Amino acid sequence: MAPEICVEVWSPSNTPEELEMKRRLYFDKGALEFWVCNEQGEISFFGHQGSLSQSRLCPGFPAEINGGA
């Protein structure tokens, strides 16, 4: 069983196909949302039907994370 929200951090070694496979696996195991954070700190949100403009479970969560360095 997967948590409600599953998050992956994109790295140079990931391929789009790998992330799509993980997304399908998480949803098959019961996840409600899948988030991907890229190297620039931008977050993409996905539900069972596809891309979301924001998280439905955490609507106030930012679509970008600033490292603050």
Protein backbone atom coordinates (compact mmCIF):
# COMPACT_ATOMS: atom_id res chain seq x y z
CA MET A 1 0.00 0.00 0.00
CA ALA A 2 1.34 3.43 -0.98
CA PRO A 3 0.95 6.66 0.99
CA GLU A 4 -1.68 9.15 -0.23
CA ILE A 5 1.05 11.40 -1.70
CA CYS A 6 4.21 9.99 -3.28
CA VAL A 7 7.06 12.35 -4.16
CA GLU A 8 9.97 11.74 -6.49
CA VAL A 9 12.97 14.01 -6.94
CA TRP A 10 14.10 14.19 -10.55
CA SER A 11 17.80 13.51 -11.00
CA PRO A 12 19.94 13.42 -14.14
CA SER A 13 19.90 9.62 -14.02
CA ASN A 14 16.08 9.48 -14.25
CA THR A 15 14.35 9.11 -17.58
CA PRO A 16 10.80 10.28 -18.26
CA GLU A 17 9.88 6.62 -18.80
CA GLU A 18 11.15 5.68 -15.33
CA LEU A 19 9.13 8.41 -13.67
CA GLU A 20 6.02 7.42 -15.63
CA MET A 21 6.50 3.80 -14.52
CA LYS A 22 6.86 4.89 -10.88
CA ARG A 23 3.76 7.07 -11.19
CA ARG A 24 1.70 4.13 -12.48
CA LEU A 25 3.06 1.83 -9.76
CA TYR A 26 2.24 4.31 -6.98
CA PHE A 27 -1.30 4.80 -8.27
CA ASP A 28 -1.75 1.03 -8.64
CA LYS A 29 -0.75 0.69 -4.97
CA GLY A 30 -3.31 3.27 -3.80
CA ALA A 31 -1.60 6.66 -4.00
CA LEU A 32 -3.96 9.59 -4.59
CA GLU A 33 -1.32 12.02 -5.88
CA PHE A 34 2.16 11.83 -7.36
CA TRP A 35 4.52 14.81 -7.18
CA VAL A 36 7.79 15.30 -9.07
CA CYS A 37 10.34 17.91 -8.00
CA ASN A 38 12.87 18.86 -10.69
CA GLU A 39 16.41 20.20 -10.29
CA GLN A 40 15.15 23.81 -10.31
CA GLY A 41 12.80 23.11 -7.39
CA GLU A 42 9.64 23.16 -9.52
CA ILE A 43 6.99 20.67 -8.48
CA SER A 44 4.61 18.96 -10.89
CA PHE A 45 1.44 17.44 -9.42
CA PHE A 46 -0.44 14.46 -10.83
CA GLY A 47 -3.69 12.72 -9.99
CA HIS A 48 -5.16 9.54 -11.44
CA GLN A 49 -6.49 11.48 -14.45
CA GLY A 50 -3.20 13.25 -15.21
CA SER A 51 -1.56 16.59 -14.53
CA LEU A 52 -2.94 18.90 -11.81
CA SER A 53 -2.39 22.65 -11.52
CA GLN A 54 -1.94 22.18 -7.76
CA SER A 55 -2.28 19.47 -5.17
CA ARG A 56 -5.87 18.66 -4.29
CA LEU A 57 -4.83 17.13 -0.98
CA CYS A 58 -2.55 20.06 0.01
CA PRO A 59 -3.81 22.99 -2.08
CA GLY A 60 -1.59 25.50 -0.29
CA PHE A 61 1.62 23.61 -1.08
CA PRO A 62 3.87 25.74 -3.33
CA ALA A 63 4.64 24.68 -6.89
CA GLU A 64 8.24 25.77 -6.38
CA ILE A 65 10.72 25.24 -3.58
CA ASN A 66 13.43 27.83 -3.05
CA GLY A 67 16.63 26.33 -1.64
CA GLY A 68 17.39 29.59 0.13
CA ALA A 69 21.14 29.21 -0.34
